[in-house]
N, C-alpha and C. Protein backbone atom coordinates (compact mmCIF):
# COMPACT_ATOMS: atom_id res chain seq x y z
N MET A 1 -36.44 20.75 -8.21
CA MET A 1 -35.76 19.90 -7.25
C MET A 1 -34.75 18.94 -7.83
N PHE A 2 -34.99 18.45 -9.05
CA PHE A 2 -34.11 17.51 -9.71
C PHE A 2 -32.79 18.24 -10.05
N GLY A 3 -32.87 19.51 -10.51
CA GLY A 3 -31.67 20.25 -10.83
C GLY A 3 -30.82 20.50 -9.60
N ILE A 4 -31.51 20.80 -8.47
CA ILE A 4 -30.79 21.06 -7.23
C ILE A 4 -30.07 19.81 -6.75
N PHE A 5 -30.76 18.61 -6.89
CA PHE A 5 -30.18 17.36 -6.47
C PHE A 5 -28.89 17.04 -7.25
N LEU A 6 -28.95 17.27 -8.58
CA LEU A 6 -27.77 17.06 -9.42
C LEU A 6 -26.61 17.93 -9.01
N ASP A 7 -26.93 19.23 -8.72
CA ASP A 7 -25.90 20.17 -8.31
C ASP A 7 -25.24 19.78 -7.01
N VAL A 8 -26.03 19.32 -6.03
CA VAL A 8 -25.49 18.92 -4.74
C VAL A 8 -24.62 17.68 -4.89
N THR A 9 -25.11 16.71 -5.70
CA THR A 9 -24.34 15.47 -5.94
C THR A 9 -22.99 15.76 -6.60
N GLN A 10 -22.99 16.58 -7.60
CA GLN A 10 -21.78 16.91 -8.31
C GLN A 10 -20.84 17.63 -7.36
N ARG A 11 -21.34 18.51 -6.56
CA ARG A 11 -20.50 19.25 -5.62
C ARG A 11 -19.83 18.33 -4.61
N LYS A 12 -20.67 17.36 -4.11
CA LYS A 12 -20.16 16.34 -3.16
C LYS A 12 -19.04 15.49 -3.76
N GLN A 13 -19.26 15.10 -5.00
CA GLN A 13 -18.23 14.29 -5.69
C GLN A 13 -16.95 15.09 -5.90
N ALA A 14 -17.08 16.38 -6.23
CA ALA A 14 -15.91 17.26 -6.38
C ALA A 14 -15.12 17.39 -5.07
N GLU A 15 -15.89 17.54 -3.96
CA GLU A 15 -15.24 17.72 -2.65
C GLU A 15 -14.48 16.44 -2.28
N GLU A 16 -15.11 15.23 -2.53
CA GLU A 16 -14.43 13.98 -2.24
C GLU A 16 -13.14 13.80 -3.06
N ALA A 17 -13.25 14.21 -4.37
CA ALA A 17 -12.08 14.10 -5.27
C ALA A 17 -10.92 15.00 -4.77
N ASN A 18 -11.34 16.26 -4.32
CA ASN A 18 -10.36 17.18 -3.80
C ASN A 18 -9.70 16.68 -2.53
N GLU A 19 -10.54 16.07 -1.62
CA GLU A 19 -9.96 15.50 -0.40
C GLU A 19 -9.05 14.33 -0.68
N LEU A 20 -9.32 13.49 -1.65
CA LEU A 20 -8.46 12.40 -2.01
C LEU A 20 -7.09 12.94 -2.55
N LEU A 21 -7.21 13.93 -3.46
CA LEU A 21 -5.98 14.55 -4.02
C LEU A 21 -5.14 15.18 -2.94
N ALA A 22 -5.77 15.92 -1.98
CA ALA A 22 -5.04 16.57 -0.92
C ALA A 22 -4.35 15.50 -0.01
N GLY A 23 -5.04 14.39 0.23
CA GLY A 23 -4.50 13.35 1.03
C GLY A 23 -3.29 12.67 0.40
N GLU A 24 -3.42 12.44 -0.94
CA GLU A 24 -2.28 11.87 -1.68
C GLU A 24 -1.09 12.86 -1.71
N MET A 25 -1.31 14.10 -1.93
CA MET A 25 -0.20 15.06 -1.95
C MET A 25 0.50 15.16 -0.61
N SER A 26 -0.31 15.16 0.45
CA SER A 26 0.27 15.25 1.81
C SER A 26 1.12 14.00 2.10
N HIS A 27 0.55 12.86 1.71
CA HIS A 27 1.29 11.59 1.87
C HIS A 27 2.62 11.57 1.16
N ARG A 28 2.63 12.12 -0.06
CA ARG A 28 3.82 12.04 -0.89
C ARG A 28 4.87 13.05 -0.30
N VAL A 29 4.43 14.20 0.15
CA VAL A 29 5.37 15.15 0.69
C VAL A 29 6.06 14.60 1.96
N LYS A 30 5.26 13.96 2.83
CA LYS A 30 5.84 13.31 4.01
C LYS A 30 6.78 12.20 3.64
N ASN A 31 6.46 11.42 2.58
CA ASN A 31 7.37 10.35 2.11
C ASN A 31 8.67 10.98 1.62
N LEU A 32 8.58 12.05 0.81
CA LEU A 32 9.77 12.65 0.30
C LEU A 32 10.68 13.18 1.40
N LEU A 33 10.17 13.78 2.44
CA LEU A 33 10.96 14.21 3.55
C LEU A 33 11.61 13.07 4.25
N THR A 34 10.86 11.94 4.43
CA THR A 34 11.44 10.82 5.08
C THR A 34 12.54 10.21 4.25
N ILE A 35 12.30 10.12 2.90
CA ILE A 35 13.33 9.59 2.01
C ILE A 35 14.60 10.45 2.05
N ALA A 36 14.46 11.77 2.02
CA ALA A 36 15.60 12.67 2.05
C ALA A 36 16.46 12.38 3.31
N SER A 37 15.79 12.16 4.43
CA SER A 37 16.52 11.80 5.68
C SER A 37 17.22 10.48 5.55
N ALA A 38 16.50 9.47 4.98
CA ALA A 38 17.08 8.16 4.84
C ALA A 38 18.31 8.20 3.88
N LEU A 39 18.15 8.95 2.80
CA LEU A 39 19.29 9.02 1.86
C LEU A 39 20.51 9.72 2.45
N THR A 40 20.23 10.67 3.34
CA THR A 40 21.36 11.34 4.07
C THR A 40 22.10 10.30 4.89
N GLN A 41 21.33 9.49 5.62
CA GLN A 41 21.99 8.44 6.46
C GLN A 41 22.73 7.40 5.58
N ILE A 42 22.15 7.02 4.49
CA ILE A 42 22.79 6.06 3.61
C ILE A 42 24.13 6.64 3.11
N THR A 43 24.12 7.91 2.67
CA THR A 43 25.31 8.60 2.12
C THR A 43 26.38 8.71 3.14
N SER A 44 26.02 9.03 4.41
CA SER A 44 26.98 9.27 5.44
C SER A 44 27.75 8.00 5.79
N ARG A 45 27.18 6.82 5.47
CA ARG A 45 27.83 5.59 5.84
C ARG A 45 29.01 5.28 4.91
N SER A 46 29.00 5.78 3.66
CA SER A 46 30.05 5.47 2.72
C SER A 46 30.95 6.67 2.39
N ALA A 47 30.56 7.90 2.76
CA ALA A 47 31.37 9.09 2.41
C ALA A 47 32.56 9.25 3.31
N ASN A 48 33.70 9.53 2.74
CA ASN A 48 34.93 9.76 3.54
C ASN A 48 35.09 11.21 3.94
N THR A 49 34.63 12.14 3.14
CA THR A 49 34.75 13.56 3.45
C THR A 49 33.41 14.22 3.27
N LYS A 50 33.30 15.45 3.77
CA LYS A 50 32.04 16.15 3.65
C LYS A 50 31.79 16.54 2.18
N GLU A 51 32.88 16.72 1.36
CA GLU A 51 32.69 16.99 -0.05
C GLU A 51 32.16 15.78 -0.75
N ASP A 52 32.64 14.55 -0.40
CA ASP A 52 32.16 13.33 -0.98
C ASP A 52 30.70 13.16 -0.63
N MET A 53 30.35 13.42 0.61
CA MET A 53 28.97 13.23 1.08
C MET A 53 28.05 14.22 0.29
N ALA A 54 28.50 15.46 0.13
CA ALA A 54 27.67 16.45 -0.56
C ALA A 54 27.42 16.03 -2.03
N HIS A 55 28.48 15.52 -2.66
CA HIS A 55 28.39 15.08 -4.08
C HIS A 55 27.44 13.87 -4.15
N GLU A 56 27.64 12.84 -3.30
CA GLU A 56 26.85 11.65 -3.38
C GLU A 56 25.38 11.94 -3.04
N LEU A 57 25.16 12.73 -2.05
CA LEU A 57 23.80 13.07 -1.64
C LEU A 57 23.08 13.86 -2.75
N THR A 58 23.77 14.80 -3.37
CA THR A 58 23.21 15.54 -4.51
C THR A 58 22.85 14.57 -5.61
N SER A 59 23.70 13.62 -5.96
CA SER A 59 23.48 12.64 -6.96
C SER A 59 22.20 11.81 -6.71
N ARG A 60 22.07 11.39 -5.47
CA ARG A 60 20.96 10.57 -5.04
C ARG A 60 19.65 11.36 -5.11
N LEU A 61 19.70 12.61 -4.64
CA LEU A 61 18.45 13.44 -4.71
C LEU A 61 18.06 13.74 -6.15
N MET A 62 19.04 13.89 -7.06
CA MET A 62 18.77 14.14 -8.52
C MET A 62 18.11 12.82 -9.06
N ALA A 63 18.65 11.70 -8.65
CA ALA A 63 18.06 10.45 -9.11
C ALA A 63 16.63 10.26 -8.60
N LEU A 64 16.37 10.74 -7.38
CA LEU A 64 15.03 10.69 -6.81
C LEU A 64 14.12 11.59 -7.63
N GLY A 65 14.65 12.72 -8.09
CA GLY A 65 13.87 13.64 -8.91
C GLY A 65 13.53 12.97 -10.23
N ARG A 66 14.39 12.25 -10.79
CA ARG A 66 14.12 11.53 -12.06
C ARG A 66 13.05 10.47 -11.84
N ALA A 67 13.12 9.83 -10.65
CA ALA A 67 12.08 8.86 -10.33
C ALA A 67 10.71 9.52 -10.24
N GLN A 68 10.69 10.72 -9.62
CA GLN A 68 9.44 11.43 -9.54
C GLN A 68 8.86 11.84 -10.82
N ASP A 69 9.75 12.09 -11.82
CA ASP A 69 9.28 12.39 -13.15
C ASP A 69 8.52 11.20 -13.77
N LEU A 70 8.95 10.03 -13.37
CA LEU A 70 8.25 8.81 -13.91
C LEU A 70 6.91 8.72 -13.29
N ILE A 71 6.75 9.09 -12.02
CA ILE A 71 5.45 9.02 -11.34
C ILE A 71 4.52 10.08 -11.82
N ARG A 72 5.08 11.26 -12.17
CA ARG A 72 4.24 12.37 -12.67
C ARG A 72 4.88 12.82 -13.96
N PRO A 73 4.53 12.22 -15.14
CA PRO A 73 5.12 12.65 -16.41
C PRO A 73 4.75 14.11 -16.72
N VAL A 74 5.65 14.75 -17.47
CA VAL A 74 5.51 16.12 -17.86
C VAL A 74 4.27 16.28 -18.79
N PRO A 75 3.30 17.14 -18.52
CA PRO A 75 2.21 17.31 -19.36
C PRO A 75 2.57 17.65 -20.79
N GLY A 76 1.97 16.94 -21.76
CA GLY A 76 2.26 17.20 -23.15
C GLY A 76 3.51 16.46 -23.64
N GLY A 77 4.11 15.64 -22.72
CA GLY A 77 5.29 14.89 -23.09
C GLY A 77 4.96 13.78 -24.07
N GLN A 78 5.93 13.36 -24.82
CA GLN A 78 5.72 12.30 -25.80
C GLN A 78 5.42 10.99 -25.11
N SER A 79 4.39 10.29 -25.53
CA SER A 79 4.05 9.04 -24.93
C SER A 79 4.84 7.88 -25.58
N GLU A 80 5.53 7.17 -24.74
CA GLU A 80 6.31 5.98 -25.21
C GLU A 80 6.44 4.94 -24.09
N ALA A 81 6.77 3.74 -24.51
CA ALA A 81 6.94 2.71 -23.51
C ALA A 81 8.38 2.72 -22.94
N ILE A 82 8.53 2.11 -21.79
CA ILE A 82 9.80 2.03 -21.09
C ILE A 82 10.02 0.59 -20.71
N LEU A 83 11.31 0.16 -20.74
CA LEU A 83 11.64 -1.19 -20.31
C LEU A 83 11.45 -1.31 -18.80
N LEU A 84 10.92 -2.46 -18.41
CA LEU A 84 10.66 -2.71 -16.97
C LEU A 84 11.94 -2.59 -16.17
N GLY A 85 13.09 -3.16 -16.67
CA GLY A 85 14.29 -3.12 -15.99
C GLY A 85 14.79 -1.66 -15.80
N ASP A 86 14.65 -0.83 -16.81
CA ASP A 86 15.03 0.58 -16.72
C ASP A 86 14.21 1.33 -15.67
N LEU A 87 12.92 1.02 -15.71
CA LEU A 87 12.01 1.68 -14.75
C LEU A 87 12.47 1.36 -13.33
N LEU A 88 12.69 0.06 -13.04
CA LEU A 88 13.06 -0.33 -11.66
C LEU A 88 14.42 0.28 -11.30
N SER A 89 15.37 0.27 -12.23
CA SER A 89 16.70 0.76 -11.95
C SER A 89 16.70 2.24 -11.59
N VAL A 90 15.87 3.06 -12.30
CA VAL A 90 15.82 4.51 -12.02
C VAL A 90 15.15 4.69 -10.67
N LEU A 91 14.15 3.96 -10.29
CA LEU A 91 13.45 4.17 -9.08
C LEU A 91 14.26 3.76 -7.90
N LEU A 92 15.10 2.71 -8.06
CA LEU A 92 15.90 2.17 -6.91
C LEU A 92 17.25 2.78 -6.82
N ALA A 93 17.74 3.47 -7.85
CA ALA A 93 19.10 3.97 -7.84
C ALA A 93 19.45 4.84 -6.65
N PRO A 94 18.59 5.69 -6.15
CA PRO A 94 18.95 6.57 -5.02
C PRO A 94 19.31 5.78 -3.76
N TYR A 95 18.84 4.54 -3.59
CA TYR A 95 19.03 3.77 -2.41
C TYR A 95 20.26 2.89 -2.45
N ASP A 96 20.94 2.81 -3.61
CA ASP A 96 22.11 1.92 -3.74
C ASP A 96 23.34 2.53 -3.05
N GLU A 97 24.19 1.63 -2.64
CA GLU A 97 25.40 2.12 -2.02
C GLU A 97 26.61 1.52 -2.68
N LYS A 98 27.64 2.31 -2.97
CA LYS A 98 28.83 1.81 -3.70
C LYS A 98 29.55 0.73 -2.92
N GLU A 99 29.55 0.86 -1.58
CA GLU A 99 30.29 -0.07 -0.79
C GLU A 99 29.62 -1.45 -0.74
N ALA A 100 28.39 -1.52 -1.09
CA ALA A 100 27.61 -2.77 -1.09
C ALA A 100 27.26 -3.18 -2.48
N SER A 101 28.10 -3.95 -3.13
CA SER A 101 27.94 -4.21 -4.57
C SER A 101 26.64 -5.03 -4.85
N VAL A 102 26.18 -5.78 -3.89
CA VAL A 102 25.03 -6.59 -4.13
C VAL A 102 23.84 -6.18 -3.26
N ARG A 103 23.86 -4.87 -2.87
CA ARG A 103 22.76 -4.37 -1.98
C ARG A 103 21.42 -4.45 -2.69
N ILE A 104 21.33 -4.04 -3.93
CA ILE A 104 20.08 -4.12 -4.68
C ILE A 104 20.31 -4.87 -5.93
N ARG A 105 19.51 -5.91 -6.14
CA ARG A 105 19.63 -6.74 -7.34
C ARG A 105 18.29 -6.75 -8.09
N VAL A 106 18.36 -6.44 -9.33
CA VAL A 106 17.18 -6.41 -10.16
C VAL A 106 17.36 -7.43 -11.34
N SER A 107 16.49 -8.40 -11.39
CA SER A 107 16.58 -9.44 -12.43
C SER A 107 15.18 -9.62 -13.02
N VAL A 108 14.99 -8.99 -14.18
CA VAL A 108 13.69 -9.04 -14.86
C VAL A 108 13.84 -9.30 -16.35
N PRO A 109 12.89 -9.88 -17.01
CA PRO A 109 13.01 -10.08 -18.47
C PRO A 109 12.84 -8.78 -19.17
N LYS A 110 13.29 -8.73 -20.42
CA LYS A 110 13.16 -7.60 -21.29
C LYS A 110 11.64 -7.41 -21.66
N MET A 111 11.05 -6.41 -21.10
CA MET A 111 9.60 -6.26 -21.21
C MET A 111 9.22 -4.79 -21.24
N ASN A 112 8.44 -4.40 -22.21
CA ASN A 112 7.97 -3.00 -22.30
C ASN A 112 6.78 -2.73 -21.36
N VAL A 113 6.84 -1.57 -20.73
CA VAL A 113 5.76 -1.14 -19.84
C VAL A 113 5.16 0.14 -20.46
N GLY A 114 3.87 0.17 -20.69
CA GLY A 114 3.24 1.32 -21.33
C GLY A 114 3.23 2.53 -20.39
N GLU A 115 2.92 3.68 -20.99
CA GLU A 115 3.00 4.95 -20.19
C GLU A 115 1.99 4.94 -19.04
N GLN A 116 0.77 4.56 -19.23
CA GLN A 116 -0.17 4.53 -18.15
C GLN A 116 0.25 3.61 -17.02
N SER A 117 0.61 2.35 -17.42
CA SER A 117 0.98 1.40 -16.41
C SER A 117 2.32 1.70 -15.71
N SER A 118 3.24 2.35 -16.44
CA SER A 118 4.53 2.70 -15.89
C SER A 118 4.30 3.72 -14.73
N THR A 119 3.41 4.62 -14.92
CA THR A 119 3.11 5.64 -13.94
C THR A 119 2.60 4.96 -12.63
N THR A 120 1.65 4.03 -12.85
CA THR A 120 1.07 3.34 -11.65
C THR A 120 2.14 2.44 -11.00
N LEU A 121 2.85 1.70 -11.81
CA LEU A 121 3.88 0.79 -11.27
C LEU A 121 4.96 1.56 -10.50
N ALA A 122 5.35 2.70 -11.07
CA ALA A 122 6.37 3.53 -10.44
C ALA A 122 5.88 4.06 -9.05
N LEU A 123 4.59 4.40 -8.97
CA LEU A 123 4.02 4.84 -7.73
C LEU A 123 4.11 3.70 -6.72
N VAL A 124 3.76 2.45 -7.12
CA VAL A 124 3.73 1.30 -6.21
C VAL A 124 5.18 0.98 -5.72
N ILE A 125 6.14 0.91 -6.70
CA ILE A 125 7.50 0.60 -6.31
C ILE A 125 8.05 1.74 -5.42
N HIS A 126 7.74 2.96 -5.70
CA HIS A 126 8.18 4.07 -4.87
C HIS A 126 7.68 3.94 -3.48
N GLU A 127 6.47 3.50 -3.29
CA GLU A 127 5.85 3.27 -1.96
C GLU A 127 6.62 2.19 -1.22
N LEU A 128 6.91 1.07 -1.93
CA LEU A 128 7.59 -0.04 -1.29
C LEU A 128 9.00 0.39 -0.87
N ALA A 129 9.68 1.16 -1.74
CA ALA A 129 11.03 1.63 -1.42
C ALA A 129 11.00 2.60 -0.23
N THR A 130 10.04 3.41 -0.17
CA THR A 130 9.89 4.37 0.97
C THR A 130 9.76 3.60 2.28
N ASN A 131 8.85 2.62 2.31
CA ASN A 131 8.67 1.82 3.54
C ASN A 131 9.98 1.06 3.91
N SER A 132 10.69 0.54 2.86
CA SER A 132 11.96 -0.15 3.15
C SER A 132 12.99 0.74 3.72
N ALA A 133 13.00 1.96 3.21
CA ALA A 133 14.01 2.96 3.71
C ALA A 133 13.62 3.40 5.14
N LYS A 134 12.34 3.33 5.49
CA LYS A 134 11.92 3.70 6.82
C LYS A 134 12.17 2.57 7.82
N TYR A 135 11.73 1.34 7.45
CA TYR A 135 11.65 0.26 8.44
C TYR A 135 12.33 -1.03 7.97
N GLY A 136 12.66 -1.20 6.70
CA GLY A 136 13.09 -2.45 6.19
C GLY A 136 14.56 -2.54 5.85
N SER A 137 14.91 -3.37 4.87
CA SER A 137 16.29 -3.70 4.62
C SER A 137 17.08 -2.50 4.10
N LEU A 138 16.42 -1.54 3.45
CA LEU A 138 17.13 -0.37 2.94
C LEU A 138 17.46 0.65 4.01
N SER A 139 16.99 0.43 5.24
CA SER A 139 17.24 1.32 6.37
C SER A 139 18.54 1.04 7.04
N VAL A 140 19.22 -0.08 6.69
CA VAL A 140 20.52 -0.43 7.31
C VAL A 140 21.51 -0.80 6.23
N ALA A 141 22.79 -0.65 6.62
CA ALA A 141 23.89 -0.92 5.60
C ALA A 141 23.89 -2.40 5.20
N SER A 142 23.49 -3.25 6.12
CA SER A 142 23.64 -4.75 5.83
C SER A 142 22.46 -5.26 5.05
N GLY A 143 21.41 -4.48 4.82
CA GLY A 143 20.25 -4.94 4.17
C GLY A 143 20.39 -5.07 2.60
N THR A 144 19.67 -6.02 2.06
CA THR A 144 19.65 -6.22 0.65
C THR A 144 18.25 -6.26 0.13
N LEU A 145 18.12 -6.04 -1.16
CA LEU A 145 16.77 -6.11 -1.85
C LEU A 145 16.93 -6.81 -3.15
N ASP A 146 16.08 -7.84 -3.43
CA ASP A 146 16.06 -8.53 -4.66
C ASP A 146 14.73 -8.29 -5.31
N VAL A 147 14.74 -7.87 -6.60
CA VAL A 147 13.53 -7.63 -7.35
C VAL A 147 13.59 -8.53 -8.56
N SER A 148 12.65 -9.48 -8.65
CA SER A 148 12.69 -10.43 -9.81
C SER A 148 11.26 -10.38 -10.46
N CYS A 149 11.20 -10.99 -11.63
CA CYS A 149 9.93 -10.98 -12.34
C CYS A 149 9.79 -12.21 -13.21
N ASN A 150 8.52 -12.72 -13.22
CA ASN A 150 8.21 -13.87 -14.09
C ASN A 150 6.94 -13.46 -14.91
N ALA A 151 7.00 -13.78 -16.20
CA ALA A 151 5.81 -13.49 -17.04
C ALA A 151 5.17 -14.82 -17.40
N HIS A 152 3.89 -14.92 -17.14
CA HIS A 152 3.10 -16.12 -17.49
C HIS A 152 2.20 -15.81 -18.69
N ASP A 153 1.26 -16.75 -18.95
CA ASP A 153 0.35 -16.55 -20.07
C ASP A 153 -0.47 -15.28 -19.99
N ASP A 154 -1.10 -15.07 -18.80
CA ASP A 154 -2.01 -13.99 -18.66
C ASP A 154 -1.56 -12.88 -17.71
N ASP A 155 -0.50 -13.16 -16.91
CA ASP A 155 -0.13 -12.19 -15.93
C ASP A 155 1.37 -12.04 -15.81
N VAL A 156 1.77 -11.03 -15.07
CA VAL A 156 3.20 -10.75 -14.76
C VAL A 156 3.32 -10.62 -13.28
N VAL A 157 4.33 -11.31 -12.71
CA VAL A 157 4.50 -11.35 -11.25
C VAL A 157 5.85 -10.76 -10.89
N ILE A 158 5.90 -9.71 -10.09
CA ILE A 158 7.08 -9.11 -9.59
C ILE A 158 7.27 -9.48 -8.14
N MET A 159 8.39 -10.05 -7.77
CA MET A 159 8.72 -10.43 -6.40
C MET A 159 9.69 -9.39 -5.80
N TRP A 160 9.33 -8.83 -4.69
CA TRP A 160 10.11 -7.82 -3.96
C TRP A 160 10.54 -8.48 -2.67
N THR A 161 11.86 -8.86 -2.53
CA THR A 161 12.35 -9.64 -1.43
C THR A 161 13.39 -8.88 -0.63
N GLU A 162 13.13 -8.55 0.63
CA GLU A 162 14.05 -7.85 1.49
C GLU A 162 14.71 -8.82 2.48
N ARG A 163 16.02 -8.64 2.69
CA ARG A 163 16.79 -9.47 3.63
C ARG A 163 17.81 -8.63 4.33
N GLY A 164 18.14 -9.07 5.55
CA GLY A 164 19.16 -8.42 6.30
C GLY A 164 18.85 -7.09 7.01
N GLY A 165 17.57 -6.79 7.07
CA GLY A 165 17.10 -5.57 7.74
C GLY A 165 16.80 -5.85 9.21
N PRO A 166 16.14 -4.80 9.84
CA PRO A 166 15.74 -4.99 11.24
C PRO A 166 14.70 -6.08 11.36
N PRO A 167 14.52 -6.68 12.53
CA PRO A 167 13.44 -7.70 12.76
C PRO A 167 12.12 -7.20 12.30
N ILE A 168 11.40 -8.04 11.59
CA ILE A 168 10.10 -7.68 11.00
C ILE A 168 8.94 -8.02 11.97
N VAL A 169 8.07 -7.10 12.19
CA VAL A 169 6.85 -7.39 12.94
C VAL A 169 5.67 -7.12 12.02
N ALA A 170 4.88 -8.14 11.78
CA ALA A 170 3.71 -8.01 10.89
C ALA A 170 2.74 -6.98 11.46
N PRO A 171 2.34 -6.00 10.64
CA PRO A 171 1.36 -5.01 11.11
C PRO A 171 0.02 -5.66 11.37
N THR A 172 -0.68 -5.18 12.40
CA THR A 172 -1.99 -5.71 12.69
C THR A 172 -3.04 -5.21 11.73
N ARG A 173 -2.76 -4.05 11.16
CA ARG A 173 -3.76 -3.42 10.21
C ARG A 173 -2.95 -2.78 9.10
N LEU A 174 -3.57 -2.82 7.90
CA LEU A 174 -2.95 -2.20 6.72
C LEU A 174 -3.95 -1.18 6.14
N ASP A 175 -4.20 -0.20 6.96
CA ASP A 175 -5.28 0.81 6.54
C ASP A 175 -4.70 2.19 6.39
N GLY A 176 -3.36 2.31 6.35
CA GLY A 176 -2.79 3.64 6.11
C GLY A 176 -3.03 4.13 4.67
N PHE A 177 -2.82 5.40 4.48
CA PHE A 177 -3.11 5.97 3.18
C PHE A 177 -2.21 5.29 2.07
N GLY A 178 -0.91 5.05 2.39
CA GLY A 178 0.03 4.45 1.48
C GLY A 178 -0.43 3.08 1.07
N SER A 179 -0.85 2.30 2.02
CA SER A 179 -1.32 0.90 1.77
C SER A 179 -2.56 0.94 0.93
N LYS A 180 -3.47 1.82 1.21
CA LYS A 180 -4.70 1.95 0.45
C LYS A 180 -4.39 2.32 -1.02
N LEU A 181 -3.43 3.26 -1.11
CA LEU A 181 -3.05 3.77 -2.44
C LEU A 181 -2.49 2.61 -3.27
N VAL A 182 -1.61 1.81 -2.69
CA VAL A 182 -0.98 0.71 -3.42
C VAL A 182 -2.01 -0.29 -3.86
N HIS A 183 -2.89 -0.73 -2.96
CA HIS A 183 -3.89 -1.73 -3.30
C HIS A 183 -4.91 -1.22 -4.36
N ARG A 184 -5.33 0.06 -4.20
CA ARG A 184 -6.23 0.66 -5.15
C ARG A 184 -5.61 0.82 -6.54
N SER A 185 -4.34 1.21 -6.57
CA SER A 185 -3.67 1.37 -7.85
C SER A 185 -3.48 0.05 -8.60
N MET A 186 -3.04 -0.95 -7.79
CA MET A 186 -2.80 -2.29 -8.42
C MET A 186 -4.11 -2.82 -9.02
N ALA A 187 -5.20 -2.67 -8.31
CA ALA A 187 -6.44 -3.23 -8.78
C ALA A 187 -7.08 -2.42 -9.95
N ALA A 188 -7.11 -1.13 -9.77
CA ALA A 188 -7.79 -0.29 -10.78
C ALA A 188 -7.01 -0.14 -12.08
N GLN A 189 -5.72 0.14 -11.98
CA GLN A 189 -4.90 0.46 -13.19
C GLN A 189 -4.22 -0.74 -13.79
N LEU A 190 -3.80 -1.72 -12.93
CA LEU A 190 -3.07 -2.81 -13.43
C LEU A 190 -3.77 -4.13 -13.42
N GLY A 191 -5.08 -4.12 -12.98
CA GLY A 191 -5.88 -5.32 -12.94
C GLY A 191 -5.23 -6.47 -12.11
N GLY A 192 -4.58 -6.02 -10.99
CA GLY A 192 -3.83 -7.00 -10.20
C GLY A 192 -3.99 -6.88 -8.76
N THR A 193 -3.10 -7.53 -8.01
CA THR A 193 -3.12 -7.56 -6.60
C THR A 193 -1.71 -7.43 -6.02
N VAL A 194 -1.63 -7.06 -4.73
CA VAL A 194 -0.33 -7.09 -4.03
C VAL A 194 -0.55 -7.83 -2.71
N GLY A 195 0.40 -8.73 -2.45
CA GLY A 195 0.34 -9.50 -1.24
C GLY A 195 1.64 -9.40 -0.47
N PHE A 196 1.58 -9.57 0.87
CA PHE A 196 2.81 -9.45 1.69
C PHE A 196 3.01 -10.68 2.55
N ASP A 197 4.26 -11.11 2.66
CA ASP A 197 4.66 -12.16 3.52
C ASP A 197 5.62 -11.51 4.57
N TRP A 198 5.15 -11.40 5.80
CA TRP A 198 5.93 -10.71 6.83
C TRP A 198 6.77 -11.76 7.63
N SER A 199 7.72 -12.31 6.92
CA SER A 199 8.63 -13.32 7.59
C SER A 199 9.64 -12.59 8.38
N GLU A 200 10.26 -13.32 9.38
CA GLU A 200 11.26 -12.73 10.25
C GLU A 200 12.51 -12.22 9.47
N GLU A 201 12.83 -12.95 8.37
CA GLU A 201 13.99 -12.61 7.58
C GLU A 201 13.86 -11.31 6.87
N GLY A 202 12.62 -10.93 6.58
CA GLY A 202 12.38 -9.67 5.82
C GLY A 202 11.11 -9.81 5.06
N VAL A 203 10.49 -8.70 4.68
CA VAL A 203 9.21 -8.73 4.01
C VAL A 203 9.37 -9.14 2.56
N VAL A 204 8.41 -9.88 2.06
CA VAL A 204 8.34 -10.26 0.64
C VAL A 204 7.01 -9.78 0.10
N ALA A 205 7.10 -8.90 -0.90
CA ALA A 205 5.85 -8.43 -1.52
C ALA A 205 5.71 -9.04 -2.94
N THR A 206 4.51 -9.52 -3.21
CA THR A 206 4.22 -10.10 -4.53
C THR A 206 3.27 -9.25 -5.29
N LEU A 207 3.72 -8.66 -6.42
CA LEU A 207 2.86 -7.89 -7.24
C LEU A 207 2.42 -8.69 -8.44
N ARG A 208 1.13 -8.89 -8.57
CA ARG A 208 0.57 -9.69 -9.72
C ARG A 208 -0.26 -8.75 -10.58
N MET A 209 0.14 -8.67 -11.86
CA MET A 209 -0.55 -7.75 -12.77
C MET A 209 -1.00 -8.43 -14.05
N SER A 210 -1.97 -7.87 -14.69
CA SER A 210 -2.42 -8.36 -15.98
C SER A 210 -1.43 -8.03 -17.05
N LYS A 211 -1.04 -9.02 -17.86
CA LYS A 211 -0.06 -8.80 -18.93
C LYS A 211 -0.61 -7.76 -19.93
N ASP A 212 -1.91 -7.82 -20.24
CA ASP A 212 -2.52 -6.88 -21.13
C ASP A 212 -2.42 -5.44 -20.60
N ARG A 213 -2.74 -5.30 -19.29
CA ARG A 213 -2.74 -3.96 -18.73
C ARG A 213 -1.35 -3.31 -18.66
N ILE A 214 -0.31 -4.12 -18.39
CA ILE A 214 1.01 -3.55 -18.20
C ILE A 214 1.64 -3.05 -19.47
N SER A 215 1.09 -3.43 -20.58
CA SER A 215 1.58 -2.92 -21.86
C SER A 215 0.90 -1.64 -22.31
N GLN A 216 -0.13 -1.16 -21.57
CA GLN A 216 -0.89 -0.01 -21.92
C GLN A 216 -0.23 1.29 -21.37
């Protein structure tokens, strides 16, 4: 009976892990389709000809692909740190618009982010950008995004500030898969938390992480 109990328990754990993976993959595919639509709208606002639009949209989609490489590193690839500013710039590049020179502002100190933490942080930033492109400041031409960072003795705090977007309505519940993924990733991999201020001017997200964890 003991052997049977172990077999059933392991099978149940494997099923739960597969369900979690399937849910995450489904969520990411839906996000990518939404982002592709948002990037098409962003590009159409600044393109003068269909050729310009095709070129700009292709460039943005390629940048999105590079961002995905950060979220899912190539197996067997060389492990190395990346600068926080470079990580944020690659992730946010697809959403920038040439006509809006101050649409996206990134102001962070020179800081290395380890391979493990960069994967997690990229996933979290990608989720925030996806939501912004759907509902926030990145969904309209007049919207802006400021990303800043402060390093303290024991932790690192990233401030994600959106302005100029559609009116913000605070959600009554934060139980979607994306929200759960962000909170779980911040706590488990980065030893931190994420908080939201749903002000009328735009959402402000505060990412607080362990300084020791972010270097790993």
